[in-house]
Amino acid sequence: MKPMKQLTLLALSFALTACAGTASQVQKAPNETDIGRTESGTDANPLPPPEPTAEELLAQADESMSAHRTQEAAELLKRVIDKEPSRADARLRLARLLAEQSNPEEAFRHLTEILAGAPDHREALEQMAALLTELPDRRPQAIQFVLRALETSPDDARWLALLAELHWKTGDAASARADLNRLLTAHPEDGRACTLLAFISLEQGHFREADFHSRRAVSRLPEDAPAHHARGLALAALRPDGSDTEAVQHLKQSVALDASSPAAWFDLGRVLLRNRSCSEAEKAFRQARALIPDNKNAGMVCLALAAAVEAQKDAAGKPRFTEAEALYRQAMAALPKSPAPLTALADLKAGPMKDLREAETLYSAALSLLPEGVQQQELEKKLTAVRQRLAAEAELSAASGAEAE
């Protein structure tokens, strides 16, 4: 019996050892935090990060705009709109970015989306109006949006002023005047109405009327840039042959109050140039040029800038004719159907530059763009004078050659 007992004890010992091994293995089994880890200790199947909310994306877009990463900001704003199409704040920001990126049509589309749901959204309408300089074909549509806004508040001064401005810019001065009279009936002291009436009067050649309205505008809005702009132009229009000192003061005040208006800088330059303040005029024209994109308005600024440069000398006392010619040619490229830059450069060539052949070519090109009338007759006289001078030079040259023989 004793050997059997020993064998039994030995078997029991082996069994206990096996159980102990199993228990040890159980204790060493990976816990839940170890599941999915690779030998290197990194997650084999990490969970994707949570999708940012619209608010978080909007905050990121604002940071990108602050850092001037405009393309990145635009993409973030588009993601906000994809999540929440009715977010007016995101569409407003995106419209501003698109306008800065020379994409006014897409900017206009986002603003119309806002106004479809909120017809009286003031900032959207004001942004839309600012876009219309580059989108003249959209002005009738913008007028409809303003009319819808007025349905909610018929005597709103800002809506009425905006409606008048849009009517004026579409060429409907009669409707613009009616809008402004309606505005002044509801708000007799409104200075914006006086300012717009002054600009409309100037455009129509009613200079006394412009003087009256611009004086009222400045008295009611002494810190308003457009009011001073209108006043300066009205004073200059009333004194075509006299001193423009007061006009210049108002125009300078206008650009001091708002340096972002190319029209005010351009008009300041024109009045300064008329008073032979060529150096100051050049500075004003260059400011206007920096604010205007490459379009026909930039061509007009180049033309005026060339005239200011032509009348000056450089630091060494030499005429700046070559620089002026380059600017005239830029104006010609920007205004291919206008005879003005061709004529101006032809005058320079026929005069101090003494390049009669080039002057003849330029005068002929300008004549081909002019309809019959007084301007055409004046240009024909200039061309005839140049050809007579060329003939005289040819005759003199032939005579000199004959004498030499």
Protein backbone atom coordinates (compact mmCIF):
# COMPACT_ATOMS: atom_id res chain seq x y z
CA MET A 1 0.00 0.00 0.00
CA LYS A 2 2.82 2.41 0.70
CA PRO A 3 4.17 2.55 -2.88
CA MET A 4 0.65 3.16 -4.20
CA LYS A 5 0.21 6.00 -1.74
CA GLN A 6 3.45 7.58 -2.85
CA LEU A 7 2.40 7.36 -6.48
CA THR A 8 -0.91 8.97 -5.62
CA LEU A 9 0.82 11.81 -3.81
CA LEU A 10 3.22 12.26 -6.73
CA ALA A 11 0.33 12.51 -9.23
CA LEU A 12 -1.43 14.96 -7.00
CA SER A 13 1.73 17.04 -6.85
CA PHE A 14 1.98 17.12 -10.66
CA ALA A 15 -1.66 18.12 -10.91
CA LEU A 16 -1.23 20.98 -8.48
CA THR A 17 1.87 22.14 -10.35
CA ALA A 18 -0.07 22.16 -13.63
CA CYS A 19 -2.89 24.12 -12.04
CA ALA A 20 -0.41 26.58 -10.65
CA GLY A 21 1.08 27.07 -14.14
CA THR A 22 -2.32 27.65 -15.59
CA ALA A 23 -3.13 30.17 -12.91
CA SER A 24 0.15 31.93 -13.58
CA GLN A 25 -0.69 32.13 -17.25
CA VAL A 26 -4.13 33.53 -16.43
CA GLN A 27 -2.58 36.21 -14.27
CA LYS A 28 -0.25 37.20 -17.12
CA ALA A 29 -3.02 37.40 -19.74
CA PRO A 30 -3.30 40.81 -21.37
CA ASN A 31 -5.78 43.21 -19.85
CA GLU A 32 -8.21 45.39 -21.89
CA THR A 33 -5.73 48.21 -22.29
CA ASP A 34 -3.24 45.84 -23.92
CA ILE A 35 -5.70 44.62 -26.56
CA GLY A 36 -4.76 45.93 -29.99
CA ARG A 37 -1.23 47.00 -29.01
CA THR A 38 1.63 46.02 -31.26
CA GLU A 39 5.04 44.86 -30.04
CA SER A 40 6.26 48.46 -30.38
CA GLY A 41 3.60 49.64 -27.93
CA THR A 42 1.56 51.72 -30.44
CA ASP A 43 -2.12 51.30 -31.23
CA ALA A 44 -2.71 49.04 -34.21
CA ASN A 45 -6.28 50.30 -34.77
CA PRO A 46 -6.57 53.81 -33.24
CA LEU A 47 -10.01 55.38 -33.02
CA PRO A 48 -10.52 58.28 -35.51
CA PRO A 49 -10.56 61.74 -33.94
CA PRO A 50 -14.04 63.23 -33.52
CA GLU A 51 -15.30 65.43 -36.36
CA PRO A 52 -15.04 69.12 -35.35
CA THR A 53 -18.29 70.95 -34.80
CA ALA A 54 -19.41 73.89 -36.92
CA GLU A 55 -18.43 76.26 -34.12
CA GLU A 56 -14.95 74.75 -33.91
CA LEU A 57 -14.51 75.00 -37.68
CA LEU A 58 -15.65 78.63 -37.58
CA ALA A 59 -13.12 79.40 -34.86
CA GLN A 60 -10.38 77.72 -36.93
CA ALA A 61 -11.43 79.77 -39.96
CA ASP A 62 -11.15 82.99 -37.93
CA GLU A 63 -7.65 81.99 -36.83
CA SER A 64 -6.68 81.28 -40.45
CA MET A 65 -8.02 84.66 -41.57
CA SER A 66 -6.09 86.41 -38.80
CA ALA A 67 -2.94 84.66 -40.05
CA HIS A 68 -3.78 85.67 -43.67
CA ARG A 69 -4.19 82.02 -44.76
CA THR A 70 -7.16 82.92 -46.87
CA GLN A 71 -7.45 79.73 -48.90
CA GLU A 72 -7.38 77.62 -45.75
CA ALA A 73 -10.00 79.88 -44.16
CA ALA A 74 -12.24 79.57 -47.23
CA GLU A 75 -12.10 75.75 -47.12
CA LEU A 76 -12.97 75.74 -43.41
CA LEU A 77 -15.91 78.07 -44.00
CA LYS A 78 -17.19 75.82 -46.79
CA ARG A 79 -17.13 72.91 -44.33
CA VAL A 80 -19.17 74.96 -41.87
CA ILE A 81 -21.74 75.70 -44.60
CA ASP A 82 -21.85 72.03 -45.62
CA LYS A 83 -22.73 71.17 -42.02
CA GLU A 84 -25.14 74.05 -41.47
CA PRO A 85 -26.27 75.69 -44.75
CA SER A 86 -28.26 78.36 -42.91
CA ARG A 87 -25.22 79.79 -41.09
CA ALA A 88 -25.30 83.43 -42.17
CA ASP A 89 -22.14 84.29 -40.22
CA ALA A 90 -20.12 81.70 -42.16
CA ARG A 91 -21.55 82.82 -45.52
CA LEU A 92 -20.78 86.48 -44.73
CA ARG A 93 -17.17 85.65 -43.93
CA LEU A 94 -16.84 83.51 -47.03
CA ALA A 95 -18.40 86.21 -49.23
CA ARG A 96 -15.82 88.73 -47.99
CA LEU A 97 -12.98 86.31 -48.73
CA LEU A 98 -14.32 85.52 -52.19
CA ALA A 99 -14.63 89.22 -52.98
CA GLU A 100 -11.01 89.74 -51.93
CA GLN A 101 -10.02 86.80 -54.15
CA SER A 102 -11.69 88.47 -57.16
CA ASN A 103 -14.60 86.06 -57.24
CA PRO A 104 -17.56 88.47 -56.87
CA GLU A 105 -20.09 86.18 -58.55
CA GLU A 106 -19.58 83.42 -55.99
CA ALA A 107 -19.61 85.99 -53.19
CA PHE A 108 -22.91 87.34 -54.55
CA ARG A 109 -24.37 83.82 -54.55
CA HIS A 110 -23.64 83.33 -50.85
CA LEU A 111 -25.19 86.69 -50.02
CA THR A 112 -28.35 85.83 -51.95
CA GLU A 113 -28.58 82.59 -49.92
CA ILE A 114 -28.59 84.67 -46.73
CA LEU A 115 -31.17 87.13 -48.06
CA ALA A 116 -33.45 84.35 -49.26
CA GLY A 117 -34.04 83.43 -45.63
CA ALA A 118 -33.54 86.86 -44.05
CA PRO A 119 -34.61 89.66 -46.46
CA ASP A 120 -33.68 92.40 -44.00
CA HIS A 121 -30.18 91.13 -43.21
CA ARG A 122 -28.45 94.50 -43.23
CA GLU A 123 -24.82 93.40 -43.50
CA ALA A 124 -25.56 91.00 -46.35
CA LEU A 125 -27.31 93.73 -48.34
CA GLU A 126 -24.51 96.21 -47.73
CA GLN A 127 -21.90 93.67 -48.82
CA MET A 128 -23.97 92.96 -51.90
CA ALA A 129 -24.11 96.65 -52.78
CA ALA A 130 -20.32 96.90 -52.45
CA LEU A 131 -19.90 94.02 -54.92
CA LEU A 132 -21.93 95.73 -57.62
CA THR A 133 -19.02 97.85 -58.82
CA GLU A 134 -17.70 94.65 -60.39
CA LEU A 135 -21.14 93.17 -61.12
CA PRO A 136 -23.15 95.88 -62.87
CA ASP A 137 -25.50 93.28 -64.40
CA ARG A 138 -26.55 92.23 -60.90
CA ARG A 139 -27.82 95.66 -59.87
CA PRO A 140 -31.47 95.01 -60.86
CA GLN A 141 -31.44 91.86 -58.72
CA ALA A 142 -29.93 93.78 -55.81
CA ILE A 143 -32.65 96.41 -56.15
CA GLN A 144 -35.28 93.69 -55.70
CA PHE A 145 -33.57 92.54 -52.51
CA VAL A 146 -33.60 96.10 -51.12
CA LEU A 147 -37.28 96.50 -52.02
CA ARG A 148 -38.03 93.30 -50.09
CA ALA A 149 -36.13 94.68 -47.10
CA LEU A 150 -38.13 97.92 -47.29
CA GLU A 151 -41.35 95.91 -47.02
CA THR A 152 -40.37 95.13 -43.44
CA SER A 153 -39.46 98.77 -42.67
CA PRO A 154 -40.74 101.25 -45.29
CA ASP A 155 -39.08 104.34 -43.80
CA ASP A 156 -35.68 102.79 -43.01
CA ALA A 157 -33.18 105.52 -43.88
CA ARG A 158 -30.32 103.18 -44.76
CA TRP A 159 -32.47 101.03 -47.04
CA LEU A 160 -33.80 104.09 -48.85
CA ALA A 161 -30.29 105.53 -49.29
CA LEU A 162 -29.04 102.19 -50.61
CA LEU A 163 -32.00 101.91 -53.00
CA ALA A 164 -31.31 105.42 -54.30
CA GLU A 165 -27.64 104.62 -54.82
CA LEU A 166 -28.48 101.45 -56.75
CA HIS A 167 -31.00 103.25 -58.94
CA TRP A 168 -28.43 105.97 -59.62
CA LYS A 169 -25.74 103.44 -60.57
CA THR A 170 -28.12 101.69 -62.96
CA GLY A 171 -28.60 105.01 -64.75
CA ASP A 172 -32.06 105.70 -63.32
CA ALA A 173 -31.44 109.13 -61.79
CA ALA A 174 -35.17 109.95 -61.71
CA SER A 175 -35.92 106.95 -59.47
CA ALA A 176 -32.90 107.77 -57.33
CA ARG A 177 -34.18 111.31 -56.78
CA ALA A 178 -37.63 109.95 -55.88
CA ASP A 179 -36.05 107.59 -53.35
CA LEU A 180 -34.07 110.44 -51.79
CA ASN A 181 -37.08 112.74 -51.61
CA ARG A 182 -38.94 109.93 -49.84
CA LEU A 183 -35.98 109.58 -47.48
CA LEU A 184 -35.88 113.32 -46.71
CA THR A 185 -39.63 113.36 -46.12
CA ALA A 186 -39.24 110.69 -43.44
CA HIS A 187 -35.86 111.97 -42.18
CA PRO A 188 -35.47 115.69 -43.02
CA GLU A 189 -31.99 115.95 -41.48
CA ASP A 190 -30.47 112.92 -43.22
CA GLY A 191 -27.06 113.90 -44.56
CA ARG A 192 -26.60 110.84 -46.78
CA ALA A 193 -29.55 111.92 -48.91
CA CYS A 194 -27.92 115.34 -49.39
CA THR A 195 -24.62 113.71 -50.35
CA LEU A 196 -26.22 111.48 -52.97
CA LEU A 197 -28.27 114.36 -54.35
CA ALA A 198 -25.04 116.35 -54.70
CA PHE A 199 -23.34 113.56 -56.67
CA ILE A 200 -26.39 113.11 -58.92
CA SER A 201 -26.54 116.87 -59.55
CA LEU A 202 -22.83 116.93 -60.43
CA GLU A 203 -23.28 114.07 -62.90
CA GLN A 204 -26.18 115.92 -64.56
CA GLY A 205 -24.25 119.20 -64.73
CA HIS A 206 -26.46 121.02 -62.20
CA PHE A 207 -23.57 122.62 -60.33
CA ARG A 208 -25.54 125.20 -58.33
CA GLU A 209 -27.80 122.45 -57.08
CA ALA A 210 -24.75 120.33 -56.24
CA ASP A 211 -23.33 123.25 -54.28
CA PHE A 212 -26.55 123.54 -52.25
CA HIS A 213 -26.82 119.82 -51.45
CA SER A 214 -23.11 119.35 -50.70
CA ARG A 215 -23.11 122.30 -48.29
CA ARG A 216 -26.00 120.74 -46.39
CA ALA A 217 -24.29 117.33 -46.47
CA VAL A 218 -21.08 118.62 -44.85
CA SER A 219 -22.98 120.61 -42.22
CA ARG A 220 -24.93 117.49 -41.21
CA LEU A 221 -22.08 115.00 -41.58
CA PRO A 222 -18.87 116.89 -40.78
CA GLU A 223 -16.87 113.66 -40.36
CA ASP A 224 -18.22 111.88 -43.45
CA ALA A 225 -15.77 111.20 -46.30
CA PRO A 226 -18.35 111.10 -49.16
CA ALA A 227 -19.87 114.39 -47.98
CA HIS A 228 -16.49 116.14 -48.21
CA HIS A 229 -15.83 114.43 -51.56
CA ALA A 230 -19.08 115.81 -52.98
CA ARG A 231 -18.38 119.25 -51.52
CA GLY A 232 -14.92 119.38 -53.05
CA LEU A 233 -16.23 118.43 -56.49
CA ALA A 234 -19.06 120.95 -56.31
CA LEU A 235 -16.66 123.76 -55.43
CA ALA A 236 -14.28 122.77 -58.22
CA ALA A 237 -17.16 122.67 -60.71
CA LEU A 238 -18.24 126.19 -59.75
CA ARG A 239 -14.70 127.61 -60.12
CA PRO A 240 -13.33 126.20 -63.39
CA ASP A 241 -10.96 129.16 -63.87
CA GLY A 242 -10.44 130.28 -60.29
CA SER A 243 -8.71 129.08 -57.14
CA ASP A 244 -9.41 125.51 -56.06
CA THR A 245 -7.98 125.96 -52.56
CA GLU A 246 -11.24 125.22 -50.74
CA ALA A 247 -12.09 122.35 -53.09
CA VAL A 248 -8.69 120.77 -52.45
CA GLN A 249 -9.18 121.13 -48.70
CA HIS A 250 -12.45 119.19 -48.81
CA LEU A 251 -11.02 116.51 -51.09
CA LYS A 252 -8.01 116.08 -48.81
CA GLN A 253 -10.37 115.82 -45.85
CA SER A 254 -12.29 113.12 -47.71
CA VAL A 255 -9.23 110.90 -48.23
CA ALA A 256 -8.07 111.59 -44.68
CA LEU A 257 -11.39 110.24 -43.38
CA ASP A 258 -11.43 107.29 -45.79
CA ALA A 259 -8.18 106.44 -47.56
CA SER A 260 -9.76 103.44 -49.31
CA SER A 261 -11.77 105.41 -51.90
CA PRO A 262 -10.02 105.39 -55.31
CA ALA A 263 -12.59 107.85 -56.69
CA ALA A 264 -11.78 110.44 -54.01
CA TRP A 265 -8.01 110.07 -54.61
CA PHE A 266 -8.54 110.36 -58.37
CA ASP A 267 -10.69 113.49 -58.07
CA LEU A 268 -8.16 115.04 -55.68
CA GLY A 269 -5.45 114.35 -58.26
CA ARG A 270 -7.51 115.92 -61.06
CA VAL A 271 -8.08 119.15 -59.15
CA LEU A 272 -4.43 119.33 -58.09
CA LEU A 273 -3.27 118.75 -61.67
CA ARG A 274 -5.57 121.50 -62.89
CA ASN A 275 -3.87 123.82 -60.41
CA ARG A 276 -0.41 122.71 -61.63
CA SER A 277 0.39 120.96 -58.33
CA CYS A 278 1.83 118.12 -60.39
CA SER A 279 3.88 116.40 -57.71
CA GLU A 280 0.93 116.22 -55.31
CA ALA A 281 -1.33 115.15 -58.15
CA GLU A 282 1.03 112.31 -59.00
CA LYS A 283 0.89 111.05 -55.41
CA ALA A 284 -2.90 111.14 -55.41
CA PHE A 285 -3.11 109.30 -58.74
CA ARG A 286 -0.71 106.62 -57.52
CA GLN A 287 -2.87 106.10 -54.44
CA ALA A 288 -5.93 105.70 -56.68
CA ARG A 289 -4.09 103.30 -58.96
CA ALA A 290 -3.07 101.09 -56.04
CA LEU A 291 -6.73 100.75 -55.04
CA ILE A 292 -8.16 99.97 -58.47
CA PRO A 293 -8.03 96.51 -60.10
CA ASP A 294 -6.97 96.06 -63.71
CA ASN A 295 -9.95 97.45 -65.59
CA LYS A 296 -10.96 100.52 -67.59
CA ASN A 297 -10.91 102.69 -64.44
CA ALA A 298 -7.25 101.76 -63.97
CA GLY A 299 -6.68 102.92 -67.53
CA MET A 300 -8.17 106.32 -66.78
CA VAL A 301 -5.93 106.64 -63.73
CA CYS A 302 -2.86 105.72 -65.83
CA LEU A 303 -3.82 108.40 -68.33
CA ALA A 304 -4.10 111.06 -65.63
CA LEU A 305 -0.91 109.87 -63.93
CA ALA A 306 0.97 110.11 -67.23
CA ALA A 307 -0.11 113.74 -67.60
CA ALA A 308 1.16 114.52 -64.08
CA VAL A 309 4.49 112.79 -64.75
CA GLU A 310 4.92 114.47 -68.16
CA ALA A 311 4.80 117.90 -66.51
CA GLN A 312 7.64 117.15 -64.10
CA LYS A 313 11.42 116.66 -64.11
CA ASP A 314 13.46 114.04 -62.33
CA ALA A 315 16.05 114.64 -59.58
CA ALA A 316 18.69 115.43 -62.22
CA GLY A 317 16.47 118.05 -63.83
CA LYS A 318 15.62 115.95 -66.91
CA PRO A 319 12.07 115.73 -68.28
CA ARG A 320 10.24 112.48 -67.40
CA PHE A 321 8.95 111.96 -70.93
CA THR A 322 10.02 108.30 -71.20
CA GLU A 323 8.20 107.44 -67.99
CA ALA A 324 5.14 109.33 -69.16
CA GLU A 325 5.18 107.48 -72.50
CA ALA A 326 5.20 104.12 -70.69
CA LEU A 327 2.16 105.17 -68.68
CA TYR A 328 0.34 106.40 -71.79
CA ARG A 329 0.94 103.02 -73.40
CA GLN A 330 -0.44 101.26 -70.33
CA ALA A 331 -3.53 103.43 -70.65
CA MET A 332 -3.78 102.51 -74.35
CA ALA A 333 -3.70 98.81 -73.45
CA ALA A 334 -6.39 99.25 -70.79
CA LEU A 335 -8.55 101.49 -73.02
CA PRO A 336 -8.20 99.99 -76.53
CA LYS A 337 -11.31 101.77 -77.84
CA SER A 338 -10.54 105.20 -76.43
CA PRO A 339 -8.79 107.88 -78.52
CA ALA A 340 -7.73 109.80 -75.39
CA PRO A 341 -4.44 108.01 -74.56
CA LEU A 342 -3.49 107.85 -78.25
CA THR A 343 -4.05 111.59 -78.61
CA ALA A 344 -2.19 112.44 -75.39
CA LEU A 345 0.87 110.43 -76.42
CA ALA A 346 0.69 111.87 -79.95
CA ASP A 347 0.75 115.38 -78.46
CA LEU A 348 3.85 114.46 -76.45
CA LYS A 349 5.54 112.96 -79.51
CA ALA A 350 4.66 115.90 -81.75
CA GLY A 351 5.78 118.38 -79.09
CA PRO A 352 8.77 117.99 -76.78
CA MET A 353 9.78 114.49 -77.91
CA LYS A 354 9.91 115.61 -81.59
CA ASP A 355 9.01 112.20 -83.00
CA LEU A 356 6.75 113.30 -85.84
CA ARG A 357 6.47 109.90 -87.55
CA GLU A 358 5.19 108.28 -84.35
CA ALA A 359 2.88 111.25 -83.75
CA GLU A 360 1.39 110.82 -87.23
CA THR A 361 0.73 107.12 -86.56
CA LEU A 362 -0.89 107.84 -83.19
CA TYR A 363 -3.09 110.67 -84.48
CA SER A 364 -4.28 108.47 -87.35
CA ALA A 365 -5.14 105.64 -84.91
CA ALA A 366 -7.02 108.05 -82.66
CA LEU A 367 -8.99 109.45 -85.61
CA SER A 368 -10.16 105.95 -86.55
CA LEU A 369 -11.83 105.70 -83.12
CA LEU A 370 -13.61 109.06 -83.20
CA PRO A 371 -17.08 109.69 -84.65
CA GLU A 372 -17.72 112.77 -86.72
CA GLY A 373 -17.79 115.93 -84.67
CA VAL A 374 -15.74 118.71 -83.13
CA GLN A 375 -13.14 116.38 -81.62
CA GLN A 376 -12.54 114.73 -84.95
CA GLN A 377 -12.07 118.10 -86.65
CA GLU A 378 -9.57 119.22 -84.00
CA LEU A 379 -7.61 116.00 -84.34
CA GLU A 380 -7.57 116.29 -88.13
CA LYS A 381 -5.99 119.74 -87.76
CA LYS A 382 -3.26 118.30 -85.54
CA LEU A 383 -2.61 115.47 -87.99
CA THR A 384 -2.45 117.94 -90.91
CA ALA A 385 0.06 120.10 -88.99
CA VAL A 386 2.28 117.08 -88.29
CA ARG A 387 2.21 116.03 -91.94
CA GLN A 388 3.11 119.56 -93.04
CA ARG A 389 6.08 119.53 -90.67
CA LEU A 390 7.15 116.13 -91.99
CA ALA A 391 6.93 117.42 -95.56
CA ALA A 392 8.94 120.50 -94.65
CA GLU A 393 11.62 118.34 -93.01
CA ALA A 394 11.74 116.07 -96.05
CA GLU A 395 12.08 119.07 -98.35
CA LEU A 396 14.85 120.54 -96.20
CA SER A 397 16.65 117.23 -96.10
CA ALA A 398 16.45 116.91 -99.88
CA ALA A 399 17.77 120.44 -100.34
CA SER A 400 20.68 119.76 -97.98
CA GLY A 401 21.52 116.61 -99.88
CA ALA A 402 21.51 118.49 -103.16
CA GLU A 403 23.85 121.13 -101.82
CA ALA A 404 26.22 118.49 -100.54
CA GLU A 405 26.46 117.01 -104.02
